[in-house]
Amino acid sequence: MATIQATILVLSTNDTFLDRSALFGPRLDTIIVGNLSIPASSRFGCTPVDPPPIDDWIALVERGHCSFAEKVRMMQQSSAKAVVIGDPHFNGWITMYATGETEDIQIPSVYVAQYEFRELQAIGEQPIQLIKNKEIRWSFTDMMVVIVLSPSIMLFIVYFAWKCREYQRRIRDLAPCHVVASLPSYRREKSPMVGEECAICLEQYLENERIRTLPCRHEFHVHCIDIWLTTRKKFVSPTLSSHSRQG
């Protein structure tokens, strides 16, 4: 597994640009220094051109009109030291490949995306370096760390998802405060009969205490049933209902 780093360096400005090496032709095993130039008579590089009056020129050509391999062959015949290919209209990365035999291609080539290609076009003829592609490789230690940590990470994700579902379920089980507050209640004006008690706190109703009546016609202390419905369940369990009495 490898990742290509920025490999084009403009010597006059120290600007670097990302590129992607072609799957054909030689790899950039060494630093290549040359003068970037756009072929005047063939911006697509599909036909041989007269070399520009500079030493060690590197061709900057536009994608299209012929295959990547054909562009590199034509620029090789034109004495280019390397080829940079890009697309001024499409902002994306292309992996350049070729069908058939490519042993005749002896110079390296790279692809640059829209932004990099336009920037290189704008700077004109400039000395540049094609830097050897750096690769980030997985070491044995890196692989072991990933193998050890992956199950732990997966368990954490599963646990977190479970907690989120539990939280959502708990929220669905609670009654909204405004709904509970709208349930009818009254102030008890008489002493309770024996056995009349709130099934939640198990205390007898007293005079002047506020009692709330549920749609099932069971009654409870206002503060007891409100807390129950808004923090525990939005319904009263059959066990509590069976122990409650009307006032």
Protein backbone atom coordinates (compact mmCIF):
# COMPACT_ATOMS: atom_id res chain seq x y z
CA MET A 1 0.00 0.00 0.00
CA ALA A 2 1.55 3.33 -1.10
CA THR A 3 0.58 6.99 -1.30
CA ILE A 4 2.27 9.38 -3.72
CA GLN A 5 3.40 12.69 -2.26
CA ALA A 6 3.83 16.07 -4.00
CA THR A 7 6.47 15.44 -6.67
CA ILE A 8 6.65 18.51 -8.93
CA LEU A 9 8.77 21.36 -7.58
CA VAL A 10 9.03 24.75 -9.33
CA LEU A 11 12.58 25.85 -8.54
CA SER A 12 11.98 29.61 -8.84
CA THR A 13 9.12 29.70 -6.33
CA ASN A 14 9.53 26.45 -4.36
CA ASP A 15 5.87 25.68 -5.12
CA THR A 16 5.02 21.99 -5.13
CA PHE A 17 2.22 20.22 -6.98
CA LEU A 18 0.63 16.83 -6.55
CA ASP A 19 0.92 14.36 -9.39
CA ARG A 20 0.23 10.70 -10.14
CA SER A 21 2.69 8.51 -12.02
CA ALA A 22 1.64 6.59 -15.13
CA LEU A 23 1.33 2.82 -14.96
CA PHE A 24 3.55 2.52 -18.03
CA GLY A 25 7.08 3.67 -18.73
CA PRO A 26 9.90 3.99 -16.18
CA ARG A 27 9.23 5.04 -12.61
CA LEU A 28 10.69 8.17 -11.11
CA ASP A 29 13.54 6.46 -9.28
CA THR A 30 15.71 9.60 -9.37
CA ILE A 31 15.13 13.34 -9.35
CA ILE A 32 14.66 14.69 -12.87
CA VAL A 33 15.55 18.35 -13.45
CA GLY A 34 14.40 20.09 -16.60
CA ASN A 35 12.74 23.13 -18.11
CA LEU A 36 8.96 22.93 -18.35
CA SER A 37 7.61 23.92 -21.76
CA ILE A 38 4.32 23.71 -23.67
CA PRO A 39 4.84 22.41 -27.24
CA ALA A 40 3.97 25.39 -29.43
CA SER A 41 2.71 23.40 -32.42
CA SER A 42 0.91 20.60 -30.55
CA ARG A 43 -0.60 21.42 -27.13
CA PHE A 44 -2.06 17.90 -26.98
CA GLY A 45 1.30 16.29 -27.77
CA CYS A 46 -0.17 13.87 -30.30
CA THR A 47 2.47 14.58 -32.99
CA PRO A 48 6.23 15.10 -32.82
CA VAL A 49 7.32 18.72 -32.35
CA ASP A 50 10.51 20.68 -32.76
CA PRO A 51 12.26 20.81 -29.38
CA PRO A 52 12.21 24.25 -27.76
CA PRO A 53 15.52 26.15 -27.61
CA ILE A 54 16.19 25.05 -24.03
CA ASP A 55 18.13 22.20 -22.48
CA ASP A 56 16.52 19.18 -20.88
CA TRP A 57 12.95 20.15 -21.64
CA ILE A 58 9.93 18.59 -19.93
CA ALA A 59 6.74 18.66 -21.99
CA LEU A 60 3.49 19.96 -20.50
CA VAL A 61 0.63 18.68 -22.67
CA GLU A 62 -3.15 18.62 -22.47
CA ARG A 63 -5.27 15.51 -22.13
CA GLY A 64 -7.30 14.43 -25.16
CA HIS A 65 -7.11 13.71 -28.93
CA CYS A 66 -4.89 10.63 -28.42
CA SER A 67 -3.92 8.10 -25.78
CA PHE A 68 -1.61 8.86 -22.86
CA ALA A 69 0.98 6.42 -24.18
CA GLU A 70 0.89 8.05 -27.63
CA LYS A 71 1.52 11.48 -26.12
CA VAL A 72 4.55 10.20 -24.23
CA ARG A 73 5.89 8.45 -27.36
CA MET A 74 5.55 11.64 -29.43
CA MET A 75 7.25 13.77 -26.81
CA GLN A 76 9.99 11.16 -26.45
CA GLN A 77 10.59 11.43 -30.21
CA SER A 78 10.77 15.20 -29.69
CA SER A 79 13.63 14.77 -27.18
CA ALA A 80 11.57 15.57 -24.09
CA LYS A 81 13.08 14.36 -20.84
CA ALA A 82 9.66 13.70 -19.22
CA VAL A 83 6.00 14.48 -19.77
CA VAL A 84 3.42 16.17 -17.53
CA ILE A 85 -0.17 15.64 -18.69
CA GLY A 86 -3.24 17.41 -17.31
CA ASP A 87 -6.83 18.40 -18.01
CA PRO A 88 -7.82 22.09 -17.77
CA HIS A 89 -11.54 21.22 -17.73
CA PHE A 90 -11.85 18.25 -15.36
CA ASN A 91 -10.94 18.58 -11.69
CA GLY A 92 -10.12 14.99 -10.86
CA TRP A 93 -7.32 12.47 -10.76
CA ILE A 94 -6.64 10.04 -13.59
CA THR A 95 -4.44 6.96 -13.43
CA MET A 96 -2.75 6.81 -16.81
CA TYR A 97 -2.47 3.32 -18.28
CA ALA A 98 -1.81 1.88 -21.74
CA THR A 99 -2.88 -1.19 -23.65
CA GLY A 100 -0.40 -3.22 -25.63
CA GLU A 101 3.38 -3.12 -25.48
CA THR A 102 5.02 -0.05 -23.95
CA GLU A 103 8.64 -1.20 -23.67
CA ASP A 104 9.58 1.48 -26.20
CA ILE A 105 8.62 4.26 -23.77
CA GLN A 106 11.81 5.30 -22.02
CA ILE A 107 10.82 8.56 -20.31
CA PRO A 108 8.59 8.96 -17.23
CA SER A 109 5.22 10.69 -17.28
CA VAL A 110 2.88 12.02 -14.59
CA TYR A 111 -0.69 13.29 -14.45
CA VAL A 112 -1.82 16.47 -12.69
CA ALA A 113 -5.38 17.55 -11.92
CA GLN A 114 -7.10 20.69 -13.18
CA TYR A 115 -5.78 23.17 -10.60
CA GLU A 116 -2.18 21.99 -10.85
CA PHE A 117 -2.32 21.92 -14.66
CA ARG A 118 -3.60 25.48 -14.92
CA GLU A 119 -1.00 26.72 -12.46
CA LEU A 120 1.79 25.06 -14.44
CA GLN A 121 0.43 26.55 -17.66
CA ALA A 122 0.44 30.00 -16.08
CA ILE A 123 4.07 29.94 -14.94
CA GLY A 124 5.36 29.34 -18.48
CA GLU A 125 8.84 28.05 -19.15
CA GLN A 126 10.37 27.40 -15.76
CA PRO A 127 12.98 24.97 -14.40
CA ILE A 128 11.27 22.25 -12.37
CA GLN A 129 12.11 19.05 -10.58
CA LEU A 130 10.22 15.80 -10.79
CA ILE A 131 10.98 14.37 -7.38
CA LYS A 132 11.21 10.67 -6.75
CA ASN A 133 7.85 9.36 -5.61
CA LYS A 134 7.78 8.80 -1.88
CA GLU A 135 5.84 5.85 -0.61
CA ILE A 136 4.25 5.36 2.76
CA ARG A 137 4.46 1.67 3.54
CA TRP A 138 2.85 -0.28 6.31
CA SER A 139 5.42 -1.64 8.72
CA PHE A 140 4.90 -4.83 10.73
CA THR A 141 4.39 -2.72 13.84
CA ASP A 142 1.75 -0.61 12.09
CA MET A 143 -0.10 -3.72 10.97
CA MET A 144 -0.03 -5.20 14.50
CA VAL A 145 -1.38 -1.95 15.99
CA VAL A 146 -4.24 -1.95 13.48
CA ILE A 147 -5.01 -5.63 14.13
CA VAL A 148 -5.06 -5.10 17.91
CA LEU A 149 -7.01 -1.85 17.89
CA SER A 150 -9.58 -2.71 15.23
CA PRO A 151 -11.68 -5.04 17.46
CA SER A 152 -11.62 -2.48 20.27
CA ILE A 153 -12.73 0.27 17.93
CA MET A 154 -15.52 -1.91 16.55
CA LEU A 155 -16.70 -2.77 20.07
CA PHE A 156 -16.73 0.92 20.99
CA ILE A 157 -18.77 1.75 17.88
CA VAL A 158 -21.26 -1.04 18.65
CA TYR A 159 -21.53 0.07 22.30
CA PHE A 160 -21.99 3.71 21.30
CA ALA A 161 -24.72 2.75 18.78
CA TRP A 162 -26.46 0.66 21.43
CA LYS A 163 -26.36 3.52 23.94
CA CYS A 164 -27.80 5.89 21.36
CA ARG A 165 -30.65 3.50 20.62
CA GLU A 166 -31.29 3.04 24.34
CA TYR A 167 -31.38 6.80 24.82
CA GLN A 168 -33.80 7.24 21.92
CA ARG A 169 -36.00 4.42 23.25
CA ARG A 170 -36.00 6.00 26.72
CA ILE A 171 -36.99 9.37 25.28
CA ARG A 172 -39.86 7.73 23.37
CA ASP A 173 -41.03 6.08 26.62
CA LEU A 174 -41.36 9.41 28.44
CA ALA A 175 -44.43 11.61 28.35
CA PRO A 176 -43.93 15.26 27.32
CA CYS A 177 -44.22 17.66 30.25
CA HIS A 178 -46.92 19.77 28.58
CA VAL A 179 -49.06 16.67 28.01
CA VAL A 180 -48.75 15.61 31.66
CA ALA A 181 -49.54 19.12 32.86
CA SER A 182 -52.73 19.13 30.80
CA LEU A 183 -54.13 16.06 32.57
CA PRO A 184 -56.99 16.93 34.96
CA SER A 185 -56.28 17.40 38.65
CA TYR A 186 -58.21 18.56 41.68
CA ARG A 187 -57.61 19.49 45.31
CA ARG A 188 -58.88 16.90 47.78
CA GLU A 189 -61.39 18.44 50.14
CA LYS A 190 -62.23 15.51 52.42
CA SER A 191 -60.34 13.11 54.60
CA PRO A 192 -59.37 9.85 52.90
CA MET A 193 -61.07 6.58 53.61
CA VAL A 194 -59.02 3.71 54.97
CA GLY A 195 -56.92 2.19 52.22
CA GLU A 196 -57.00 5.24 49.97
CA GLU A 197 -53.37 5.87 49.17
CA CYS A 198 -51.12 6.85 46.27
CA ALA A 199 -49.82 3.67 44.65
CA ILE A 200 -46.49 5.34 43.90
CA CYS A 201 -45.44 6.74 47.29
CA LEU A 202 -47.79 4.43 49.27
CA GLU A 203 -48.92 7.34 51.46
CA GLN A 204 -52.53 8.19 52.19
CA TYR A 205 -54.14 11.17 50.53
CA LEU A 206 -54.53 14.16 52.82
CA GLU A 207 -56.90 17.06 52.70
CA ASN A 208 -55.89 19.89 50.33
CA GLU A 209 -53.40 17.68 48.47
CA ARG A 210 -53.58 17.91 44.69
CA ILE A 211 -54.62 14.68 43.01
CA ARG A 212 -54.23 13.98 39.28
CA THR A 213 -56.67 11.77 37.41
CA LEU A 214 -55.37 9.75 34.44
CA PRO A 215 -57.44 8.78 31.35
CA CYS A 216 -57.77 5.29 32.87
CA ARG A 217 -59.45 7.06 35.86
CA HIS A 218 -56.76 6.00 38.32
CA GLU A 219 -55.59 8.74 40.68
CA PHE A 220 -52.21 9.63 42.18
CA HIS A 221 -50.49 12.53 43.92
CA VAL A 222 -49.72 15.20 41.32
CA HIS A 223 -46.02 15.37 42.19
CA CYS A 224 -45.72 11.56 42.24
CA ILE A 225 -47.40 10.81 38.91
CA ASP A 226 -45.84 13.79 37.13
CA ILE A 227 -42.33 12.64 38.01
CA TRP A 228 -43.21 9.06 37.04
CA LEU A 229 -44.60 9.95 33.61
CA THR A 230 -41.86 12.43 32.64
CA THR A 231 -38.81 10.56 33.96
CA ARG A 232 -39.68 6.85 33.97
CA LYS A 233 -42.62 5.76 31.79
CA LYS A 234 -45.37 7.52 29.91
CA PHE A 235 -47.82 4.92 31.13
CA VAL A 236 -48.66 3.43 34.55
CA SER A 237 -47.84 -0.23 35.03
CA PRO A 238 -50.72 -2.66 35.75
CA THR A 239 -49.24 -3.32 39.19
CA LEU A 240 -49.54 0.34 40.20
CA SER A 241 -52.95 0.66 38.59
CA SER A 242 -54.33 -2.30 40.51
CA HIS A 243 -53.30 -0.71 43.80
CA SER A 244 -54.70 2.74 43.12
CA ARG A 245 -58.20 3.77 44.20
CA GLN A 246 -60.45 6.56 43.14
CA GLY A 247 -60.93 9.43 45.63
